[in-house]
């Protein structure tokens, strides 16, 4: 009987020790977007209206967080209907052929205070590449609505669109460098 009790205690302790907590993005308090430079003169911003994101972590400080993001590429908006049609077409995202943009983190490492490096696989335009982004963990609070924990993050980084086969437009018209940004809250 002692062996069974001891085994049960060990199993319970290991389950609690390695329990993963899943967090879901609060879409009312989240945004995913990008910026490109037009004709080497001005910045053009775009955002995605439809996306989903989750994170899982077994640590209270979320230092082992794994992020998963799925974006509906056709939900891109640059606040210009003609440009949006072009961005959705085969010149850029080709949303008919590549409807989703995904990111799945593979590692997270603390650099200083609330700053981290977040590395993961970004799939865009049918091409998957490892990218490293800057992440700021804004902290954890309690939702005034649900009284459950809420965590806030901000992510920024830069990719080269041609690495993913995006855009047949010369860099002098639309920059090859694309600034990425995402921020938001995640609920437990």
Protein backbone atom coordinates (compact mmCIF):
# COMPACT_ATOMS: atom_id res chain seq x y z
CA UNK A 1 0.00 0.00 0.00
CA UNK A 2 2.89 2.35 0.81
CA UNK A 3 4.33 1.83 -2.69
CA UNK A 4 1.01 2.72 -4.34
CA UNK A 5 0.62 5.85 -2.18
CA UNK A 6 4.20 6.93 -2.90
CA UNK A 7 3.73 6.32 -6.64
CA UNK A 8 0.49 8.34 -6.65
CA UNK A 9 2.20 11.21 -4.80
CA UNK A 10 5.09 11.24 -7.29
CA UNK A 11 2.68 11.23 -10.26
CA UNK A 12 0.62 14.06 -8.76
CA UNK A 13 3.72 16.14 -8.03
CA UNK A 14 5.15 15.63 -11.52
CA UNK A 15 1.80 16.53 -13.12
CA UNK A 16 1.65 19.78 -11.14
CA UNK A 17 5.31 20.50 -11.85
CA UNK A 18 4.95 20.12 -15.62
CA UNK A 19 1.41 21.43 -16.02
CA UNK A 20 1.03 23.67 -19.04
CA UNK A 21 -1.15 26.73 -18.77
CA UNK A 22 -2.81 27.82 -22.00
CA UNK A 23 -3.45 31.50 -22.68
CA UNK A 24 -5.63 32.84 -25.52
CA UNK A 25 -5.31 36.20 -27.22
CA UNK A 26 -7.86 38.85 -26.27
CA UNK A 27 -8.61 40.11 -29.78
CA UNK A 28 -10.21 43.29 -28.45
CA UNK A 29 -6.80 44.20 -27.01
CA UNK A 30 -4.44 42.89 -29.69
CA UNK A 31 -3.10 43.93 -33.06
CA UNK A 32 -0.79 42.43 -35.69
CA UNK A 33 0.71 44.61 -38.38
CA UNK A 34 3.62 45.61 -40.55
CA UNK A 35 5.27 48.63 -42.17
CA UNK A 36 7.02 48.94 -45.53
CA UNK A 37 8.63 51.97 -47.14
CA UNK A 38 7.08 53.24 -50.38
CA UNK A 39 9.42 54.72 -53.01
CA UNK A 40 12.07 55.20 -50.30
CA UNK A 41 9.99 58.19 -49.13
CA UNK A 42 7.16 57.23 -46.80
CA UNK A 43 5.98 54.42 -44.58
CA UNK A 44 2.86 52.42 -45.38
CA UNK A 45 1.24 50.48 -42.54
CA UNK A 46 -0.85 47.35 -42.81
CA UNK A 47 -2.79 45.33 -40.25
CA UNK A 48 -4.50 41.98 -40.22
CA UNK A 49 -8.13 42.00 -39.09
CA UNK A 50 -8.45 38.23 -38.57
CA UNK A 51 -5.94 36.25 -36.54
CA UNK A 52 -5.67 33.90 -33.60
CA UNK A 53 -2.86 33.46 -31.11
CA UNK A 54 -2.17 31.25 -28.12
CA UNK A 55 0.66 30.72 -25.71
CA UNK A 56 1.42 27.89 -23.36
CA UNK A 57 3.74 28.00 -20.41
CA UNK A 58 4.53 25.98 -17.32
CA UNK A 59 6.33 28.84 -15.52
CA UNK A 60 4.69 31.72 -13.69
CA UNK A 61 7.06 34.25 -15.28
CA UNK A 62 6.21 32.82 -18.76
CA UNK A 63 9.93 32.47 -19.51
CA UNK A 64 9.22 29.16 -21.26
CA UNK A 65 6.27 30.47 -23.28
CA UNK A 66 5.49 28.91 -26.63
CA UNK A 67 3.58 31.20 -28.99
CA UNK A 68 1.41 30.07 -31.88
CA UNK A 69 -0.10 32.59 -34.30
CA UNK A 70 -2.33 32.04 -37.32
CA UNK A 71 -3.25 34.98 -39.57
CA UNK A 72 -5.87 35.11 -42.32
CA UNK A 73 -3.78 36.72 -45.08
CA UNK A 74 -6.90 37.95 -46.90
CA UNK A 75 -7.79 40.09 -43.87
CA UNK A 76 -4.91 42.50 -44.62
CA UNK A 77 -5.86 46.17 -44.57
CA UNK A 78 -3.70 49.14 -45.52
CA UNK A 79 -6.64 51.58 -45.47
CA UNK A 80 -6.60 51.77 -49.27
CA UNK A 81 -8.93 49.47 -51.23
CA UNK A 82 -6.88 49.52 -54.47
CA UNK A 83 -3.62 48.79 -52.63
CA UNK A 84 -5.27 46.06 -50.52
CA UNK A 85 -6.43 44.30 -53.69
CA UNK A 86 -2.85 44.39 -55.01
CA UNK A 87 -1.37 43.18 -51.70
CA UNK A 88 -3.83 40.26 -51.64
CA UNK A 89 -3.06 39.38 -55.27
CA UNK A 90 -0.20 37.43 -56.79
CA UNK A 91 2.16 40.45 -56.71
CA UNK A 92 2.45 40.02 -52.94
CA UNK A 93 0.56 37.65 -50.59
CA UNK A 94 -1.32 35.65 -53.26
CA UNK A 95 -4.02 34.85 -50.69
CA UNK A 96 -5.88 32.51 -53.06
CA UNK A 97 -2.85 30.20 -53.05
CA UNK A 98 -1.45 31.00 -49.58
CA UNK A 99 -4.41 31.87 -47.31
CA UNK A 100 -2.55 31.60 -43.98
CA UNK A 101 0.48 33.17 -42.37
CA UNK A 102 1.70 31.26 -39.31
CA UNK A 103 4.31 31.61 -36.59
CA UNK A 104 5.28 28.95 -34.07
CA UNK A 105 7.97 29.83 -31.55
CA UNK A 106 10.83 27.42 -30.95
CA UNK A 107 12.69 29.26 -28.18
CA UNK A 108 12.57 32.26 -25.91
CA UNK A 109 15.52 33.74 -24.06
CA UNK A 110 15.69 36.62 -21.64
CA UNK A 111 18.07 39.42 -22.62
CA UNK A 112 17.43 42.10 -19.98
CA UNK A 113 14.64 42.85 -17.51
CA UNK A 114 11.39 42.43 -19.42
CA UNK A 115 13.12 41.97 -22.78
CA UNK A 116 13.42 38.64 -24.58
CA UNK A 117 14.46 37.20 -27.94
CA UNK A 118 11.69 35.09 -29.44
CA UNK A 119 12.74 32.67 -32.17
CA UNK A 120 10.34 30.65 -34.27
CA UNK A 121 9.25 29.43 -37.65
CA UNK A 122 7.40 31.96 -39.79
CA UNK A 123 5.48 30.60 -42.76
CA UNK A 124 4.59 33.26 -45.32
CA UNK A 125 3.73 32.79 -49.00
CA UNK A 126 4.38 29.04 -48.66
CA UNK A 127 7.94 29.54 -47.37
CA UNK A 128 8.99 28.67 -43.80
CA UNK A 129 12.03 30.35 -42.27
CA UNK A 130 13.35 30.78 -38.76
CA UNK A 131 13.10 34.37 -37.53
CA UNK A 132 14.15 36.03 -34.29
CA UNK A 133 12.01 38.83 -32.92
CA UNK A 134 12.25 41.21 -29.97
CA UNK A 135 9.66 40.57 -27.28
CA UNK A 136 8.78 42.75 -24.30
CA UNK A 137 6.81 41.06 -21.52
CA UNK A 138 4.70 43.85 -20.04
CA UNK A 139 3.67 41.73 -17.06
CA UNK A 140 0.67 39.94 -15.62
CA UNK A 141 -2.41 41.49 -14.06
CA UNK A 142 -5.99 40.50 -13.38
CA UNK A 143 -8.84 41.11 -15.79
CA UNK A 144 -11.45 43.47 -14.37
CA UNK A 145 -14.11 41.48 -16.24
CA UNK A 146 -13.15 37.86 -15.53
CA UNK A 147 -10.86 38.35 -12.51
CA UNK A 148 -8.49 35.86 -14.17
CA UNK A 149 -4.81 36.46 -15.01
CA UNK A 150 -3.99 38.53 -18.11
CA UNK A 151 -0.50 38.82 -19.64
CA UNK A 152 0.67 41.57 -22.00
CA UNK A 153 3.33 41.38 -24.70
CA UNK A 154 4.80 43.49 -27.47
CA UNK A 155 6.74 41.91 -30.36
CA UNK A 156 8.77 43.69 -33.03
CA UNK A 157 11.21 42.62 -35.70
CA UNK A 158 12.27 42.93 -39.31
CA UNK A 159 12.16 40.40 -42.14
CA UNK A 160 13.11 40.57 -45.81
CA UNK A 161 10.00 39.96 -47.94
CA UNK A 162 12.05 38.50 -50.80
CA UNK A 163 13.32 35.73 -48.48
CA UNK A 164 9.71 34.52 -48.51
CA UNK A 165 9.10 35.13 -52.21
CA UNK A 166 6.73 38.03 -51.49
CA UNK A 167 6.54 40.84 -53.99
CA UNK A 168 7.73 41.10 -57.54
CA UNK A 169 8.01 44.86 -57.09
CA UNK A 170 11.52 46.44 -57.04
CA UNK A 171 12.86 47.56 -53.64
CA UNK A 172 12.97 51.16 -54.89
CA UNK A 173 9.16 51.09 -55.01
CA UNK A 174 8.38 48.85 -52.00
CA UNK A 175 11.15 48.17 -49.49
CA UNK A 176 12.39 44.62 -49.12
CA UNK A 177 12.64 45.15 -45.37
CA UNK A 178 9.33 44.75 -43.59
CA UNK A 179 8.93 45.86 -39.99
CA UNK A 180 6.70 43.51 -38.02
CA UNK A 181 4.82 44.43 -34.87
CA UNK A 182 2.30 42.72 -32.67
CA UNK A 183 1.00 43.53 -29.24
CA UNK A 184 -1.77 42.36 -27.07
CA UNK A 185 -3.16 40.72 -24.03
CA UNK A 186 -3.57 37.01 -23.39
CA UNK A 187 -6.19 35.61 -21.01
CA UNK A 188 -5.84 32.42 -19.03
